[in-house]
């Protein structure tokens, strides 16, 4: 007899993620540049360093991060790091 797979929902999913319909286990595809930006944020790098590492102008980094945060369903650097770790987008 085949058993149906059940999916448990984590209670730690943030309200913005729920509003966007993102389940805790859903895979989110990000670009290598977005992954590098998240990794640098997690290491505490300022946005000026992130822009330099990604080859972006300082004026372009805020819109870049803003678009990434929107895709993650977050509004802050701290929330982005938390969600990225939980989704396996960052190295520990």
C-alpha atoms as a PDB file:
ATOM      1  CA  UNK A   1       0.000   0.000   0.000  1.00  0.00           C
ATOM      2  CA  UNK A   2       1.313   3.419  -0.913  1.00  0.00           C
ATOM      3  CA  UNK A   3       1.293   6.074   1.749  1.00  0.00           C
ATOM      4  CA  UNK A   4       0.622   9.651   0.806  1.00  0.00           C
ATOM      5  CA  UNK A   5       3.367  12.063   1.630  1.00  0.00           C
ATOM      6  CA  UNK A   6       2.345  14.657   4.183  1.00  0.00           C
ATOM      7  CA  UNK A   7       3.949  18.026   4.528  1.00  0.00           C
ATOM      8  CA  UNK A   8       4.260  19.699   7.897  1.00  0.00           C
ATOM      9  CA  UNK A   9       4.200  23.465   7.978  1.00  0.00           C
ATOM     10  CA  UNK A  10       6.693  25.164  10.239  1.00  0.00           C
ATOM     11  CA  UNK A  11       5.305  27.682  12.677  1.00  0.00           C
ATOM     12  CA  UNK A  12       8.416  29.812  12.186  1.00  0.00           C
ATOM     13  CA  UNK A  13       7.333  30.926   8.719  1.00  0.00           C
ATOM     14  CA  UNK A  14       7.010  34.702   8.767  1.00  0.00           C
ATOM     15  CA  UNK A  15       3.775  36.477   7.930  1.00  0.00           C
ATOM     16  CA  UNK A  16       5.161  37.995   4.708  1.00  0.00           C
ATOM     17  CA  UNK A  17       6.187  34.535   3.521  1.00  0.00           C
ATOM     18  CA  UNK A  18       2.749  33.159   4.273  1.00  0.00           C
ATOM     19  CA  UNK A  19       1.137  36.099   2.522  1.00  0.00           C
ATOM     20  CA  UNK A  20       3.193  35.377  -0.582  1.00  0.00           C
ATOM     21  CA  UNK A  21       2.280  31.689  -0.389  1.00  0.00           C
ATOM     22  CA  UNK A  22       5.822  30.471   0.248  1.00  0.00           C
ATOM     23  CA  UNK A  23       5.983  27.256   2.204  1.00  0.00           C
ATOM     24  CA  UNK A  24       9.003  26.652   4.397  1.00  0.00           C
ATOM     25  CA  UNK A  25      10.095  23.745   2.206  1.00  0.00           C
ATOM     26  CA  UNK A  26       9.546  25.431  -1.155  1.00  0.00           C
ATOM     27  CA  UNK A  27      12.690  25.919  -3.214  1.00  0.00           C
ATOM     28  CA  UNK A  28      13.494  29.502  -4.059  1.00  0.00           C
ATOM     29  CA  UNK A  29      15.807  30.008  -7.003  1.00  0.00           C
ATOM     30  CA  UNK A  30      18.261  32.872  -6.625  1.00  0.00           C
ATOM     31  CA  UNK A  31      21.134  34.008  -8.803  1.00  0.00           C
ATOM     32  CA  UNK A  32      24.786  33.548  -7.824  1.00  0.00           C
ATOM     33  CA  UNK A  33      25.009  37.330  -7.289  1.00  0.00           C
ATOM     34  CA  UNK A  34      22.000  37.253  -4.953  1.00  0.00           C
ATOM     35  CA  UNK A  35      23.500  34.327  -3.038  1.00  0.00           C
ATOM     36  CA  UNK A  36      26.804  36.185  -2.721  1.00  0.00           C
ATOM     37  CA  UNK A  37      24.995  39.308  -1.496  1.00  0.00           C
ATOM     38  CA  UNK A  38      23.152  37.269   1.148  1.00  0.00           C
ATOM     39  CA  UNK A  39      26.390  35.585   2.219  1.00  0.00           C
ATOM     40  CA  UNK A  40      28.086  38.975   2.588  1.00  0.00           C
ATOM     41  CA  UNK A  41      25.110  40.332   4.558  1.00  0.00           C
ATOM     42  CA  UNK A  42      25.318  37.320   6.878  1.00  0.00           C
ATOM     43  CA  UNK A  43      29.015  38.099   7.423  1.00  0.00           C
ATOM     44  CA  UNK A  44      28.104  41.658   8.417  1.00  0.00           C
ATOM     45  CA  UNK A  45      29.449  43.387   5.314  1.00  0.00           C
ATOM     46  CA  UNK A  46      28.197  46.925   4.719  1.00  0.00           C
ATOM     47  CA  UNK A  47      26.276  47.608   1.527  1.00  0.00           C
ATOM     48  CA  UNK A  48      29.245  49.563   0.128  1.00  0.00           C
ATOM     49  CA  UNK A  49      31.401  46.424   0.308  1.00  0.00           C
ATOM     50  CA  UNK A  50      28.614  44.288  -1.151  1.00  0.00           C
ATOM     51  CA  UNK A  51      28.249  46.655  -4.093  1.00  0.00           C
ATOM     52  CA  UNK A  52      32.017  46.577  -4.699  1.00  0.00           C
ATOM     53  CA  UNK A  53      32.155  42.764  -4.487  1.00  0.00           C
ATOM     54  CA  UNK A  54      29.271  42.412  -6.938  1.00  0.00           C
ATOM     55  CA  UNK A  55      30.588  45.069  -9.311  1.00  0.00           C
ATOM     56  CA  UNK A  56      27.557  47.297  -8.761  1.00  0.00           C
ATOM     57  CA  UNK A  57      27.578  51.007  -8.160  1.00  0.00           C
ATOM     58  CA  UNK A  58      26.607  52.094  -4.638  1.00  0.00           C
ATOM     59  CA  UNK A  59      23.451  53.623  -6.147  1.00  0.00           C
ATOM     60  CA  UNK A  60      22.432  50.235  -7.584  1.00  0.00           C
ATOM     61  CA  UNK A  61      22.857  48.105  -4.453  1.00  0.00           C
ATOM     62  CA  UNK A  62      19.733  49.296  -2.620  1.00  0.00           C
ATOM     63  CA  UNK A  63      17.377  48.479  -5.538  1.00  0.00           C
ATOM     64  CA  UNK A  64      19.218  45.146  -6.021  1.00  0.00           C
ATOM     65  CA  UNK A  65      18.781  44.193  -2.363  1.00  0.00           C
ATOM     66  CA  UNK A  66      15.223  45.554  -2.327  1.00  0.00           C
ATOM     67  CA  UNK A  67      14.230  43.285  -5.202  1.00  0.00           C
ATOM     68  CA  UNK A  68      15.880  40.318  -3.480  1.00  0.00           C
ATOM     69  CA  UNK A  69      14.124  41.091  -0.185  1.00  0.00           C
ATOM     70  CA  UNK A  70      10.800  41.272  -2.016  1.00  0.00           C
ATOM     71  CA  UNK A  71      11.416  37.819  -3.518  1.00  0.00           C
ATOM     72  CA  UNK A  72      12.285  36.498  -0.050  1.00  0.00           C
ATOM     73  CA  UNK A  73       9.210  38.173   1.466  1.00  0.00           C
ATOM     74  CA  UNK A  74      11.216  40.167   4.001  1.00  0.00           C
ATOM     75  CA  UNK A  75      11.761  43.820   4.835  1.00  0.00           C
ATOM     76  CA  UNK A  76      15.130  43.890   6.610  1.00  0.00           C
ATOM     77  CA  UNK A  77      18.676  42.597   6.410  1.00  0.00           C
ATOM     78  CA  UNK A  78      18.176  40.489   9.538  1.00  0.00           C
ATOM     79  CA  UNK A  79      15.000  38.885   8.178  1.00  0.00           C
ATOM     80  CA  UNK A  80      16.722  38.204   4.841  1.00  0.00           C
ATOM     81  CA  UNK A  81      19.571  36.400   6.596  1.00  0.00           C
ATOM     82  CA  UNK A  82      17.175  34.394   8.778  1.00  0.00           C
ATOM     83  CA  UNK A  83      15.023  33.307   5.821  1.00  0.00           C
ATOM     84  CA  UNK A  84      18.082  32.545   3.672  1.00  0.00           C
ATOM     85  CA  UNK A  85      19.560  30.278   6.358  1.00  0.00           C
ATOM     86  CA  UNK A  86      16.240  28.517   6.920  1.00  0.00           C
ATOM     87  CA  UNK A  87      15.832  27.904   3.169  1.00  0.00           C
ATOM     88  CA  UNK A  88      19.376  26.602   2.792  1.00  0.00           C
ATOM     89  CA  UNK A  89      20.489  29.494   0.610  1.00  0.00           C
ATOM     90  CA  UNK A  90      23.552  30.243   2.749  1.00  0.00           C
ATOM     91  CA  UNK A  91      26.478  28.268   4.027  1.00  0.00           C
ATOM     92  CA  UNK A  92      26.566  27.909   7.828  1.00  0.00           C
END
